[in-house]
Amino acid sequence: MNDKFKWMVFTGTLIGALFITGCTKHEDKVHDSWVTPPAGPVIDDTALTANIRSALRADPNVKNLDVKIEARNGEVMLGGLVDNQTQMDRVIMLAWMAEGIKKVDNKMSLKSAGAAAKDG
């Protein structure tokens, strides 16, 4: 009976020590890049707009579209009319691929939707 009590005390002490160890903070042992992601490249909004415009002109499926591009702090708003959803998706994808992009806000519309609104 005495040995059983000793084992219970030993086990309880061990479990308590593990709980206390698990509660300590290890933030000082973690590399800074794991806590805060490294900042991406800082791209000027004018350069960002130019990069997106260049990518659109290089793509044969969307090069003739009149897409409005406004950039502010790495966030881009796309506007204008496109012929179909495929073109819209392509423009959005090309914008997301630009270096330094943080957000893309799509305000483009389908030409057929605009014509339907005028007829209605």
PDB file of N, CA and C in Angstrom:
ATOM      1  N   MET A   1       0.816  -1.190   0.000  1.00  0.00           N
ATOM      2  CA  MET A   1       0.000   0.000   0.000  1.00  0.00           C
ATOM      3  C   MET A   1       0.866   1.263   0.000  1.00  0.00           C
ATOM      4  N   ASN A   2       1.951   1.204   0.718  1.00  0.00           N
ATOM      5  CA  ASN A   2       2.871   2.321   0.794  1.00  0.00           C
ATOM      6  C   ASN A   2       3.505   2.601  -0.567  1.00  0.00           C
ATOM      7  N   ASP A   3       3.864   1.537  -1.327  1.00  0.00           N
ATOM      8  CA  ASP A   3       4.430   1.709  -2.669  1.00  0.00           C
ATOM      9  C   ASP A   3       3.407   2.320  -3.617  1.00  0.00           C
ATOM     10  N   LYS A   4       2.165   1.919  -3.493  1.00  0.00           N
ATOM     11  CA  LYS A   4       1.111   2.456  -4.352  1.00  0.00           C
ATOM     12  C   LYS A   4       0.954   3.962  -4.108  1.00  0.00           C
ATOM     13  N   PHE A   5       0.996   4.362  -2.852  1.00  0.00           N
ATOM     14  CA  PHE A   5       0.886   5.777  -2.512  1.00  0.00           C
ATOM     15  C   PHE A   5       2.076   6.568  -3.068  1.00  0.00           C
ATOM     16  N   LYS A   6       3.272   6.010  -2.970  1.00  0.00           N
ATOM     17  CA  LYS A   6       4.471   6.666  -3.505  1.00  0.00           C
ATOM     18  C   LYS A   6       4.349   6.861  -5.009  1.00  0.00           C
ATOM     19  N   TRP A   7       3.841   5.852  -5.717  1.00  0.00           N
ATOM     20  CA  TRP A   7       3.670   5.962  -7.169  1.00  0.00           C
ATOM     21  C   TRP A   7       2.628   7.018  -7.516  1.00  0.00           C
ATOM     22  N   MET A   8       1.568   7.091  -6.739  1.00  0.00           N
ATOM     23  CA  MET A   8       0.539   8.104  -6.993  1.00  0.00           C
ATOM     24  C   MET A   8       1.111   9.511  -6.786  1.00  0.00           C
ATOM     25  N   VAL A   9       1.874   9.695  -5.726  1.00  0.00           N
ATOM     26  CA  VAL A   9       2.493  10.997  -5.465  1.00  0.00           C
ATOM     27  C   VAL A   9       3.487  11.334  -6.572  1.00  0.00           C
ATOM     28  N   PHE A  10       4.303  10.373  -6.961  1.00  0.00           N
ATOM     29  CA  PHE A  10       5.281  10.578  -8.030  1.00  0.00           C
ATOM     30  C   PHE A  10       4.582  10.949  -9.339  1.00  0.00           C
ATOM     31  N   THR A  11       3.533  10.193  -9.687  1.00  0.00           N
ATOM     32  CA  THR A  11       2.790  10.453 -10.925  1.00  0.00           C
ATOM     33  C   THR A  11       2.128  11.826 -10.874  1.00  0.00           C
ATOM     34  N   GLY A  12       1.524  12.165  -9.754  1.00  0.00           N
ATOM     35  CA  GLY A  12       0.886  13.475  -9.603  1.00  0.00           C
ATOM     36  C   GLY A  12       1.886  14.608  -9.720  1.00  0.00           C
ATOM     37  N   THR A  13       3.047  14.437  -9.120  1.00  0.00           N
ATOM     38  CA  THR A  13       4.100  15.451  -9.201  1.00  0.00           C
ATOM     39  C   THR A  13       4.591  15.610 -10.636  1.00  0.00           C
ATOM     40  N   LEU A  14       4.770  14.497 -11.325  1.00  0.00           N
ATOM     41  CA  LEU A  14       5.225  14.527 -12.716  1.00  0.00           C
ATOM     42  C   LEU A  14       4.206  15.225 -13.609  1.00  0.00           C
ATOM     43  N   ILE A  15       2.942  14.887 -13.433  1.00  0.00           N
ATOM     44  CA  ILE A  15       1.884  15.522 -14.240  1.00  0.00           C
ATOM     45  C   ILE A  15       1.832  17.018 -13.940  1.00  0.00           C
ATOM     46  N   GLY A  16       1.932  17.383 -12.676  1.00  0.00           N
ATOM     47  CA  GLY A  16       1.931  18.803 -12.308  1.00  0.00           C
ATOM     48  C   GLY A  16       3.094  19.553 -12.933  1.00  0.00           C
ATOM     49  N   ALA A  17       4.267  18.940 -12.911  1.00  0.00           N
ATOM     50  CA  ALA A  17       5.441  19.574 -13.516  1.00  0.00           C
ATOM     51  C   ALA A  17       5.251  19.753 -15.017  1.00  0.00           C
ATOM     52  N   LEU A  18       4.651  18.768 -15.667  1.00  0.00           N
ATOM     53  CA  LEU A  18       4.405  18.881 -17.111  1.00  0.00           C
ATOM     54  C   LEU A  18       3.410  19.995 -17.411  1.00  0.00           C
ATOM     55  N   PHE A  19       2.370  20.120 -16.592  1.00  0.00           N
ATOM     56  CA  PHE A  19       1.403  21.197 -16.791  1.00  0.00           C
ATOM     57  C   PHE A  19       2.064  22.567 -16.638  1.00  0.00           C
ATOM     58  N   ILE A  20       2.889  22.711 -15.626  1.00  0.00           N
ATOM     59  CA  ILE A  20       3.563  23.989 -15.392  1.00  0.00           C
ATOM     60  C   ILE A  20       4.511  24.311 -16.543  1.00  0.00           C
ATOM     61  N   THR A  21       5.239  23.322 -17.019  1.00  0.00           N
ATOM     62  CA  THR A  21       6.149  23.523 -18.142  1.00  0.00           C
ATOM     63  C   THR A  21       5.382  23.904 -19.400  1.00  0.00           C
ATOM     64  N   GLY A  22       4.222  23.296 -19.610  1.00  0.00           N
ATOM     65  CA  GLY A  22       3.414  23.590 -20.791  1.00  0.00           C
ATOM     66  C   GLY A  22       2.832  24.980 -20.778  1.00  0.00           C
ATOM     67  N   CYS A  23       2.717  25.587 -19.611  1.00  0.00           N
ATOM     68  CA  CYS A  23       2.126  26.915 -19.495  1.00  0.00           C
ATOM     69  C   CYS A  23       3.128  28.045 -19.693  1.00  0.00           C
ATOM     70  N   THR A  24       4.401  27.740 -19.727  1.00  0.00           N
ATOM     71  CA  THR A  24       5.387  28.804 -19.912  1.00  0.00           C
ATOM     72  C   THR A  24       5.338  29.322 -21.341  1.00  0.00           C
ATOM     73  N   LYS A  25       5.711  30.575 -21.495  1.00  0.00           N
ATOM     74  CA  LYS A  25       5.696  31.188 -22.822  1.00  0.00           C
ATOM     75  C   LYS A  25       7.017  30.908 -23.520  1.00  0.00           C
ATOM     76  N   HIS A  26       6.911  30.576 -24.791  1.00  0.00           N
ATOM     77  CA  HIS A  26       8.101  30.278 -25.586  1.00  0.00           C
ATOM     78  C   HIS A  26       8.279  31.296 -26.706  1.00  0.00           C
ATOM     79  N   GLU A  27       7.663  32.469 -26.556  1.00  0.00           N
ATOM     80  CA  GLU A  27       7.738  33.478 -27.610  1.00  0.00           C
ATOM     81  C   GLU A  27       9.167  33.906 -27.893  1.00  0.00           C
ATOM     82  N   ASP A  28       9.999  33.924 -26.845  1.00  0.00           N
ATOM     83  CA  ASP A  28      11.373  34.348 -27.048  1.00  0.00           C
ATOM     84  C   ASP A  28      12.191  33.305 -27.797  1.00  0.00           C
ATOM     85  N   LYS A  29      11.665  32.101 -27.935  1.00  0.00           N
ATOM     86  CA  LYS A  29      12.378  31.029 -28.626  1.00  0.00           C
ATOM     87  C   LYS A  29      11.890  30.847 -30.065  1.00  0.00           C
ATOM     88  N   VAL A  30      10.940  31.675 -30.489  1.00  0.00           N
ATOM     89  CA  VAL A  30      10.374  31.578 -31.831  1.00  0.00           C
ATOM     90  C   VAL A  30      10.990  32.668 -32.696  1.00  0.00           C
ATOM     91  N   HIS A  31      11.395  32.295 -33.891  1.00  0.00           N
ATOM     92  CA  HIS A  31      11.987  33.269 -34.812  1.00  0.00           C
ATOM     93  C   HIS A  31      10.948  34.320 -35.187  1.00  0.00           C
ATOM     94  N   ASP A  32      11.398  35.564 -35.314  1.00  0.00           N
ATOM     95  CA  ASP A  32      10.495  36.673 -35.610  1.00  0.00           C
ATOM     96  C   ASP A  32       9.675  36.454 -36.871  1.00  0.00           C
ATOM     97  N   SER A  33      10.239  35.809 -37.872  1.00  0.00           N
ATOM     98  CA  SER A  33       9.514  35.615 -39.130  1.00  0.00           C
ATOM     99  C   SER A  33       8.326  34.680 -38.956  1.00  0.00           C
ATOM    100  N   TRP A  34       8.306  33.894 -37.881  1.00  0.00           N
ATOM    101  CA  TRP A  34       7.153  33.018 -37.634  1.00  0.00           C
ATOM    102  C   TRP A  34       6.040  33.770 -36.924  1.00  0.00           C
ATOM    103  N   VAL A  35       6.396  34.823 -36.213  1.00  0.00           N
ATOM    104  CA  VAL A  35       5.410  35.609 -35.486  1.00  0.00           C
ATOM    105  C   VAL A  35       4.810  36.663 -36.413  1.00  0.00           C
ATOM    106  N   THR A  36       5.657  37.393 -37.093  1.00  0.00           N
ATOM    107  CA  THR A  36       5.230  38.428 -38.027  1.00  0.00           C
ATOM    108  C   THR A  36       5.792  38.088 -39.394  1.00  0.00           C
ATOM    109  N   PRO A  37       4.907  37.870 -40.378  1.00  0.00           N
ATOM    110  CA  PRO A  37       5.421  37.534 -41.704  1.00  0.00           C
ATOM    111  C   PRO A  37       6.259  38.680 -42.262  1.00  0.00           C
ATOM    112  N   PRO A  38       7.267  38.343 -43.036  1.00  0.00           N
ATOM    113  CA  PRO A  38       8.100  39.400 -43.604  1.00  0.00           C
ATOM    114  C   PRO A  38       7.290  40.273 -44.559  1.00  0.00           C
ATOM    115  N   ALA A  39       7.605  41.538 -44.566  1.00  0.00           N
ATOM    116  CA  ALA A  39       6.905  42.462 -45.454  1.00  0.00           C
ATOM    117  C   ALA A  39       7.254  42.144 -46.897  1.00  0.00           C
ATOM    118  N   GLY A  40       6.250  42.181 -47.740  1.00  0.00           N
ATOM    119  CA  GLY A  40       6.478  41.951 -49.156  1.00  0.00           C
ATOM    120  C   GLY A  40       7.139  43.166 -49.776  1.00  0.00           C
ATOM    121  N   PRO A  41       7.456  43.057 -51.037  1.00  0.00           N
ATOM    122  CA  PRO A  41       8.097  44.196 -51.688  1.00  0.00           C
ATOM    123  C   PRO A  41       7.148  45.396 -51.734  1.00  0.00           C
ATOM    124  N   VAL A  42       7.686  46.557 -51.477  1.00  0.00           N
ATOM    125  CA  VAL A  42       6.888  47.773 -51.524  1.00  0.00           C
ATOM    126  C   VAL A  42       6.943  48.300 -52.951  1.00  0.00           C
ATOM    127  N   ILE A  43       5.787  48.349 -53.578  1.00  0.00           N
ATOM    128  CA  ILE A  43       5.688  48.811 -54.959  1.00  0.00           C
ATOM    129  C   ILE A  43       4.869  50.103 -54.962  1.00  0.00           C
ATOM    130  N   ASP A  44       5.361  51.095 -55.632  1.00  0.00           N
ATOM    131  CA  ASP A  44       4.641  52.346 -55.795  1.00  0.00           C
ATOM    132  C   ASP A  44       3.333  52.071 -56.538  1.00  0.00           C
ATOM    133  N   ASP A  45       2.263  52.771 -56.156  1.00  0.00           N
ATOM    134  CA  ASP A  45       0.960  52.548 -56.789  1.00  0.00           C
ATOM    135  C   ASP A  45       0.991  52.831 -58.287  1.00  0.00           C
ATOM    136  N   THR A  46       1.767  53.815 -58.698  1.00  0.00           N
ATOM    137  CA  THR A  46       1.890  54.114 -60.129  1.00  0.00           C
ATOM    138  C   THR A  46       2.550  52.948 -60.855  1.00  0.00           C
ATOM    139  N   ALA A  47       3.594  52.393 -60.247  1.00  0.00           N
ATOM    140  CA  ALA A  47       4.275  51.240 -60.847  1.00  0.00           C
ATOM    141  C   ALA A  47       3.360  50.026 -60.855  1.00  0.00           C
ATOM    142  N   LEU A  48       2.584  49.851 -59.796  1.00  0.00           N
ATOM    143  CA  LEU A  48       1.645  48.730 -59.728  1.00  0.00           C
ATOM    144  C   LEU A  48       0.612  48.835 -60.844  1.00  0.00           C
ATOM    145  N   THR A  49       0.054  50.018 -61.024  1.00  0.00           N
ATOM    146  CA  THR A  49      -0.915  50.238 -62.104  1.00  0.00           C
ATOM    147  C   THR A  49      -0.271  49.965 -63.459  1.00  0.00           C
ATOM    148  N   ALA A  50       0.949  50.432 -63.653  1.00  0.00           N
ATOM    149  CA  ALA A  50       1.654  50.214 -64.922  1.00  0.00           C
ATOM    150  C   ALA A  50       1.922  48.731 -65.155  1.00  0.00           C
ATOM    151  N   ASN A  51       2.283  48.007 -64.101  1.00  0.00           N
ATOM    152  CA  ASN A  51       2.528  46.564 -64.239  1.00  0.00           C
ATOM    153  C   ASN A  51       1.264  45.818 -64.644  1.00  0.00           C
ATOM    154  N   ILE A  52       0.146  46.179 -64.036  1.00  0.00           N
ATOM    155  CA  ILE A  52      -1.123  45.524 -64.380  1.00  0.00           C
ATOM    156  C   ILE A  52      -1.517  45.884 -65.805  1.00  0.00           C
ATOM    157  N   ARG A  53      -1.406  47.160 -66.147  1.00  0.00           N
ATOM    158  CA  ARG A  53      -1.751  47.613 -67.505  1.00  0.00           C
ATOM    159  C   ARG A  53      -0.889  46.877 -68.535  1.00  0.00           C
ATOM    160  N   SER A  54       0.386  46.713 -68.260  1.00  0.00           N
ATOM    161  CA  SER A  54       1.296  46.002 -69.157  1.00  0.00           C
ATOM    162  C   SER A  54       0.886  44.538 -69.310  1.00  0.00           C
ATOM    163  N   ALA A  55       0.511  43.908 -68.204  1.00  0.00           N
ATOM    164  CA  ALA A  55       0.078  42.503 -68.257  1.00  0.00           C
ATOM    165  C   ALA A  55      -1.200  42.360 -69.070  1.00  0.00           C
ATOM    166  N   LEU A  56      -2.112  43.324 -68.951  1.00  0.00           N
ATOM    167  CA  LEU A  56      -3.361  43.273 -69.724  1.00  0.00           C
ATOM    168  C   LEU A  56      -3.081  43.451 -71.216  1.00  0.00           C
ATOM    169  N   ARG A  57      -2.180  44.359 -71.556  1.00  0.00           N
ATOM    170  CA  ARG A  57      -1.846  44.588 -72.971  1.00  0.00           C
ATOM    171  C   ARG A  57      -1.134  43.394 -73.594  1.00  0.00           C
ATOM    172  N   ALA A  58      -0.423  42.637 -72.780  1.00  0.00           N
ATOM    173  CA  ALA A  58       0.317  41.474 -73.290  1.00  0.00           C
ATOM    174  C   ALA A  58      -0.572  40.251 -73.475  1.00  0.00           C
ATOM    175  N   ASP A  59      -1.764  40.276 -72.916  1.00  0.00           N
ATOM    176  CA  ASP A  59      -2.668  39.123 -73.010  1.00  0.00           C
ATOM    177  C   ASP A  59      -3.620  39.314 -74.185  1.00  0.00           C
ATOM    178  N   PRO A  60      -3.593  38.411 -75.177  1.00  0.00           N
ATOM    179  CA  PRO A  60      -4.429  38.589 -76.368  1.00  0.00           C
ATOM    180  C   PRO A  60      -5.931  38.550 -76.080  1.00  0.00           C
ATOM    181  N   ASN A  61      -6.342  37.946 -74.984  1.00  0.00           N
ATOM    182  CA  ASN A  61      -7.772  37.839 -74.675  1.00  0.00           C
ATOM    183  C   ASN A  61      -8.356  39.108 -74.065  1.00  0.00           C
ATOM    184  N   VAL A  62      -7.516  39.965 -73.509  1.00  0.00           N
ATOM    185  CA  VAL A  62      -8.039  41.153 -72.829  1.00  0.00           C
ATOM    186  C   VAL A  62      -7.346  42.452 -73.255  1.00  0.00           C
ATOM    187  N   LYS A  63      -6.434  42.382 -74.217  1.00  0.00           N
ATOM    188  CA  LYS A  63      -5.633  43.563 -74.561  1.00  0.00           C
ATOM    189  C   LYS A  63      -6.456  44.707 -75.148  1.00  0.00           C
ATOM    190  N   ASN A  64      -7.617  44.429 -75.723  1.00  0.00           N
ATOM    191  CA  ASN A  64      -8.424  45.481 -76.332  1.00  0.00           C
ATOM    192  C   ASN A  64      -9.493  46.042 -75.397  1.00  0.00           C
ATOM    193  N   LEU A  65      -9.525  45.584 -74.160  1.00  0.00           N
ATOM    194  CA  LEU A  65     -10.529  46.060 -73.210  1.00  0.00           C
ATOM    195  C   LEU A  65     -10.095  47.387 -72.595  1.00  0.00           C
ATOM    196  N   ASP A  66     -11.077  48.221 -72.282  1.00  0.00           N
ATOM    197  CA  ASP A  66     -10.811  49.493 -71.609  1.00  0.00           C
ATOM    198  C   ASP A  66     -11.077  49.298 -70.113  1.00  0.00           C
ATOM    199  N   VAL A  67     -10.075  48.753 -69.427  1.00  0.00           N
ATOM    200  CA  VAL A  67     -10.209  48.475 -67.994  1.00  0.00           C
ATOM    201  C   VAL A  67      -9.642  49.654 -67.208  1.00  0.00           C
ATOM    202  N   LYS A  68     -10.439  50.165 -66.288  1.00  0.00           N
ATOM    203  CA  LYS A  68      -9.990  51.240 -65.407  1.00  0.00           C
ATOM    204  C   LYS A  68      -9.255  50.604 -64.229  1.00  0.00           C
ATOM    205  N   ILE A  69      -8.083  51.124 -63.916  1.00  0.00           N
ATOM    206  CA  ILE A  69      -7.274  50.590 -62.819  1.00  0.00           C
ATOM    207  C   ILE A  69      -6.933  51.730 -61.870  1.00  0.00           C
ATOM    208  N   GLU A  70      -7.333  51.584 -60.614  1.00  0.00           N
ATOM    209  CA  GLU A  70      -6.977  52.552 -59.579  1.00  0.00           C
ATOM    210  C   GLU A  70      -6.264  51.805 -58.464  1.00  0.00           C
ATOM    211  N   ALA A  71      -5.091  52.284 -58.084  1.00  0.00           N
ATOM    212  CA  ALA A  71      -4.314  51.634 -57.023  1.00  0.00           C
ATOM    213  C   ALA A  71      -4.088  52.600 -55.870  1.00  0.00           C
ATOM    214  N   ARG A  72      -4.207  52.061 -54.667  1.00  0.00           N
ATOM    215  CA  ARG A  72      -3.937  52.843 -53.463  1.00  0.00           C
ATOM    216  C   ARG A  72      -3.378  51.911 -52.400  1.00  0.00           C
ATOM    217  N   ASN A  73      -2.133  52.148 -52.025  1.00  0.00           N
ATOM    218  CA  ASN A  73      -1.464  51.342 -50.990  1.00  0.00           C
ATOM    219  C   ASN A  73      -1.476  49.849 -51.306  1.00  0.00           C
ATOM    220  N   GLY A  74      -1.292  49.507 -52.557  1.00  0.00           N
ATOM    221  CA  GLY A  74      -1.238  48.102 -52.957  1.00  0.00           C
ATOM    222  C   GLY A  74      -2.593  47.461 -53.179  1.00  0.00           C
ATOM    223  N   GLU A  75      -3.668  48.209 -52.937  1.00  0.00           N
ATOM    224  CA  GLU A  75      -5.019  47.707 -53.175  1.00  0.00           C
ATOM    225  C   GLU A  75      -5.509  48.291 -54.492  1.00  0.00           C
ATOM    226  N   VAL A  76      -6.027  47.414 -55.352  1.00  0.00           N
ATOM    227  CA  VAL A  76      -6.398  47.819 -56.705  1.00  0.00           C
ATOM    228  C   VAL A  76      -7.896  47.667 -56.912  1.00  0.00           C
ATOM    229  N   MET A  77      -8.505  48.678 -57.552  1.00  0.00           N
ATOM    230  CA  MET A  77      -9.895  48.585 -57.964  1.00  0.00           C
ATOM    231  C   MET A  77      -9.923  48.528 -59.487  1.00  0.00           C
ATOM    232  N   LEU A  78     -10.630  47.542 -60.010  1.00  0.00           N
ATOM    233  CA  LEU A  78     -10.770  47.369 -61.456  1.00  0.00           C
ATOM    234  C   LEU A  78     -12.179  47.770 -61.855  1.00  0.00           C
ATOM    235  N   GLY A  79     -12.304  48.566 -62.903  1.00  0.00           N
ATOM    236  CA  GLY A  79     -13.606  48.992 -63.385  1.00  0.00           C
ATOM    237  C   GLY A  79     -13.672  48.918 -64.896  1.00  0.00           C
ATOM    238  N   GLY A  80     -14.872  49.109 -65.418  1.00  0.00           N
ATOM    239  CA  GLY A  80     -15.072  49.094 -66.858  1.00  0.00           C
ATOM    240  C   GLY A  80     -15.991  47.967 -67.282  1.00  0.00           C
ATOM    241  N   LEU A  81     -16.138  47.837 -68.597  1.00  0.00           N
ATOM    242  CA  LEU A  81     -17.011  46.808 -69.166  1.00  0.00           C
ATOM    243  C   LEU A  81     -16.186  45.746 -69.873  1.00  0.00           C
ATOM    244  N   VAL A  82     -16.594  44.502 -69.708  1.00  0.00           N
ATOM    245  CA  VAL A  82     -15.964  43.377 -70.403  1.00  0.00           C
ATOM    246  C   VAL A  82     -17.045  42.621 -71.158  1.00  0.00           C
ATOM    247  N   ASP A  83     -16.618  41.853 -72.167  1.00  0.00           N
ATOM    248  CA  ASP A  83     -17.572  41.134 -73.005  1.00  0.00           C
ATOM    249  C   ASP A  83     -18.185  39.919 -72.311  1.00  0.00           C
ATOM    250  N   ASN A  84     -17.386  39.221 -71.502  1.00  0.00           N
ATOM    251  CA  ASN A  84     -17.883  37.981 -70.889  1.00  0.00           C
ATOM    252  C   ASN A  84     -17.166  37.706 -69.564  1.00  0.00           C
ATOM    253  N   GLN A  85     -17.670  36.716 -68.857  1.00  0.00           N
ATOM    254  CA  GLN A  85     -17.121  36.369 -67.545  1.00  0.00           C
ATOM    255  C   GLN A  85     -15.677  35.873 -67.643  1.00  0.00           C
ATOM    256  N   THR A  86     -15.355  35.193 -68.740  1.00  0.00           N
ATOM    257  CA  THR A  86     -13.990  34.694 -68.926  1.00  0.00           C
ATOM    258  C   THR A  86     -12.995  35.850 -68.960  1.00  0.00           C
ATOM    259  N   GLN A  87     -13.340  36.914 -69.675  1.00  0.00           N
ATOM    260  CA  GLN A  87     -12.465  38.087 -69.720  1.00  0.00           C
ATOM    261  C   GLN A  87     -12.338  38.727 -68.337  1.00  0.00           C
ATOM    262  N   MET A  88     -13.443  38.818 -67.627  1.00  0.00           N
ATOM    263  CA  MET A  88     -13.416  39.403 -66.292  1.00  0.00           C
ATOM    264  C   MET A  88     -12.492  38.604 -65.371  1.00  0.00           C
ATOM    265  N   ASP A  89     -12.646  37.285 -65.407  1.00  0.00           N
ATOM    266  CA  ASP A  89     -11.808  36.419 -64.572  1.00  0.00           C
ATOM    267  C   ASP A  89     -10.330  36.566 -64.937  1.00  0.00           C
ATOM    268  N   ARG A  90     -10.052  36.696 -66.220  1.00  0.00           N
ATOM    269  CA  ARG A  90      -8.668  36.826 -66.688  1.00  0.00           C
ATOM    270  C   ARG A  90      -8.052  38.145 -66.201  1.00  0.00           C
ATOM    271  N   VAL A  91      -8.803  39.229 -66.292  1.00  0.00           N
ATOM    272  CA  VAL A  91      -8.312  40.532 -65.830  1.00  0.00           C
ATOM    273  C   VAL A  91      -8.023  40.477 -64.329  1.00  0.00           C
ATOM    274  N   ILE A  92      -8.931  39.885 -63.566  1.00  0.00           N
ATOM    275  CA  ILE A  92      -8.738  39.773 -62.114  1.00  0.00           C
ATOM    276  C   ILE A  92      -7.499  38.937 -61.812  1.00  0.00           C
ATOM    277  N   MET A  93      -7.338  37.827 -62.521  1.00  0.00           N
ATOM    278  CA  MET A  93      -6.184  36.961 -62.294  1.00  0.00           C
ATOM    279  C   MET A  93      -4.876  37.702 -62.600  1.00  0.00           C
ATOM    280  N   LEU A  94      -4.843  38.422 -63.716  1.00  0.00           N
ATOM    281  CA  LEU A  94      -3.633  39.163 -64.077  1.00  0.00           C
ATOM    282  C   LEU A  94      -3.321  40.247 -63.044  1.00  0.00           C
ATOM    283  N   ALA A  95      -4.359  40.874 -62.504  1.00  0.00           N
ATOM    284  CA  ALA A  95      -4.139  41.878 -61.463  1.00  0.00           C
ATOM    285  C   ALA A  95      -3.542  41.232 -60.212  1.00  0.00           C
ATOM    286  N   TRP A  96      -4.071  40.081 -59.819  1.00  0.00           N
ATOM    287  CA  TRP A  96      -3.555  39.387 -58.631  1.00  0.00           C
ATOM    288  C   TRP A  96      -2.111  38.943 -58.815  1.00  0.00           C
ATOM    289  N   MET A  97      -1.704  38.711 -60.030  1.00  0.00           N
ATOM    290  CA  MET A  97      -0.345  38.240 -60.294  1.00  0.00           C
ATOM    291  C   MET A  97       0.690  39.363 -60.228  1.00  0.00           C
ATOM    292  N   ALA A  98       0.249  40.609 -60.188  1.00  0.00           N
ATOM    293  CA  ALA A  98       1.183  41.738 -60.148  1.00  0.00           C
ATOM    294  C   ALA A  98       1.932  41.753 -58.817  1.00  0.00           C
ATOM    295  N   GLU A  99       3.212  42.044 -58.886  1.00  0.00           N
ATOM    296  CA  GLU A  99       4.040  42.086 -57.681  1.00  0.00           C
ATOM    297  C   GLU A  99       3.630  43.261 -56.801  1.00  0.00           C
ATOM    298  N   GLY A 100       3.451  43.003 -55.515  1.00  0.00           N
ATOM    299  CA  GLY A 100       3.102  44.041 -54.558  1.00  0.00           C
ATOM    300  C   GLY A 100       1.616  44.197 -54.319  1.00  0.00           C
ATOM    301  N   ILE A 101       0.795  43.387 -54.976  1.00  0.00           N
ATOM    302  CA  ILE A 101      -0.659  43.492 -54.834  1.00  0.00           C
ATOM    303  C   ILE A 101      -1.091  42.963 -53.470  1.00  0.00           C
ATOM    304  N   LYS A 102      -2.014  43.662 -52.827  1.00  0.00           N
ATOM    305  CA  LYS A 102      -2.549  43.223 -51.538  1.00  0.00           C
ATOM    306  C   LYS A 102      -4.016  42.831 -51.648  1.00  0.00           C
ATOM    307  N   LYS A 103      -4.741  43.525 -52.516  1.00  0.00           N
ATOM    308  CA  LYS A 103      -6.181  43.291 -52.632  1.00  0.00           C
ATOM    309  C   LYS A 103      -6.637  43.727 -54.017  1.00  0.00           C
ATOM    310  N   VAL A 104      -7.599  42.990 -54.570  1.00  0.00           N
ATOM    311  CA  VAL A 104      -8.211  43.367 -55.845  1.00  0.00           C
ATOM    312  C   VAL A 104      -9.706  43.509 -55.614  1.00  0.00           C
ATOM    313  N   ASP A 105     -10.237  44.686 -55.921  1.00  0.00           N
ATOM    314  CA  ASP A 105     -11.669  44.960 -55.789  1.00  0.00           C
ATOM    315  C   ASP A 105     -12.242  45.063 -57.198  1.00  0.00           C
ATOM    316  N   ASN A 106     -13.094  44.124 -57.553  1.00  0.00           N
ATOM    317  CA  ASN A 106     -13.651  44.069 -58.902  1.00  0.00           C
ATOM    318  C   ASN A 106     -14.932  44.886 -58.990  1.00  0.00           C
ATOM    319  N   LYS A 107     -14.901  45.931 -59.777  1.00  0.00           N
ATOM    320  CA  LYS A 107     -16.090  46.744 -60.055  1.00  0.00           C
ATOM    321  C   LYS A 107     -16.445  46.680 -61.540  1.00  0.00           C
ATOM    322  N   MET A 108     -15.877  45.700 -62.260  1.00  0.00           N
ATOM    323  CA  MET A 108     -16.170  45.559 -63.688  1.00  0.00           C
ATOM    324  C   MET A 108     -17.580  45.002 -63.871  1.00  0.00           C
ATOM    325  N   SER A 109     -18.155  45.280 -65.030  1.00  0.00           N
ATOM    326  CA  SER A 109     -19.484  44.782 -65.377  1.00  0.00           C
ATOM    327  C   SER A 109     -19.433  44.124 -66.743  1.00  0.00           C
ATOM    328  N   LEU A 110     -20.377  43.235 -66.972  1.00  0.00           N
ATOM    329  CA  LEU A 110     -20.513  42.611 -68.288  1.00  0.00           C
ATOM    330  C   LEU A 110     -21.280  43.555 -69.202  1.00  0.00           C
ATOM    331  N   LYS A 111     -20.838  43.675 -70.454  1.00  0.00           N
ATOM    332  CA  LYS A 111     -21.516  44.551 -71.409  1.00  0.00           C
ATOM    333  C   LYS A 111     -22.973  44.148 -71.585  1.00  0.00           C
ATOM    334  N   SER A 112     -23.251  42.862 -71.604  1.00  0.00           N
ATOM    335  CA  SER A 112     -24.631  42.402 -71.776  1.00  0.00           C
ATOM    336  C   SER A 112     -25.499  42.813 -70.592  1.00  0.00           C
ATOM    337  N   ALA A 113     -24.939  42.872 -69.390  1.00  0.00           N
ATOM    338  CA  ALA A 113     -25.696  43.296 -68.213  1.00  0.00           C
ATOM    339  C   ALA A 113     -26.020  44.784 -68.314  1.00  0.00           C
ATOM    340  N   GLY A 114     -25.085  45.568 -68.843  1.00  0.00           N
ATOM    341  CA  GLY A 114     -25.316  46.996 -69.020  1.00  0.00           C
ATOM    342  C   GLY A 114     -26.390  47.261 -70.060  1.00  0.00           C
ATOM    343  N   ALA A 115     -26.403  46.489 -71.148  1.00  0.00           N
ATOM    344  CA  ALA A 115     -27.415  46.649 -72.194  1.00  0.00           C
ATOM    345  C   ALA A 115     -28.786  46.255 -71.672  1.00  0.00           C
ATOM    346  N   ALA A 116     -28.849  45.214 -70.862  1.00  0.00           N
ATOM    347  CA  ALA A 116     -30.123  44.764 -70.306  1.00  0.00           C
ATOM    348  C   ALA A 116     -30.696  45.819 -69.365  1.00  0.00           C
ATOM    349  N   ALA A 117     -29.836  46.502 -68.622  1.00  0.00           N
ATOM    350  CA  ALA A 117     -30.299  47.537 -67.698  1.00  0.00           C
ATOM    351  C   ALA A 117     -30.874  48.724 -68.469  1.00  0.00           C
ATOM    352  N   LYS A 118     -30.270  49.061 -69.626  1.00  0.00           N
ATOM    353  CA  LYS A 118     -30.778  50.169 -70.434  1.00  0.00           C
ATOM    354  C   LYS A 118     -32.117  49.824 -71.065  1.00  0.00           C
ATOM    355  N   ASP A 119     -32.296  48.541 -71.471  1.00  0.00           N
ATOM    356  CA  ASP A 119     -33.532  48.116 -72.113  1.00  0.00           C
ATOM    357  C   ASP A 119     -34.681  48.053 -71.115  1.00  0.00           C
ATOM    358  N   GLY A 120     -34.377  47.735 -69.851  1.00  0.00           N
ATOM    359  CA  GLY A 120     -35.397  47.507 -68.823  1.00  0.00           C
ATOM    360  C   GLY A 120     -35.963  48.752 -68.361  1.00  0.00           C
TER     361      GLY A 120
END
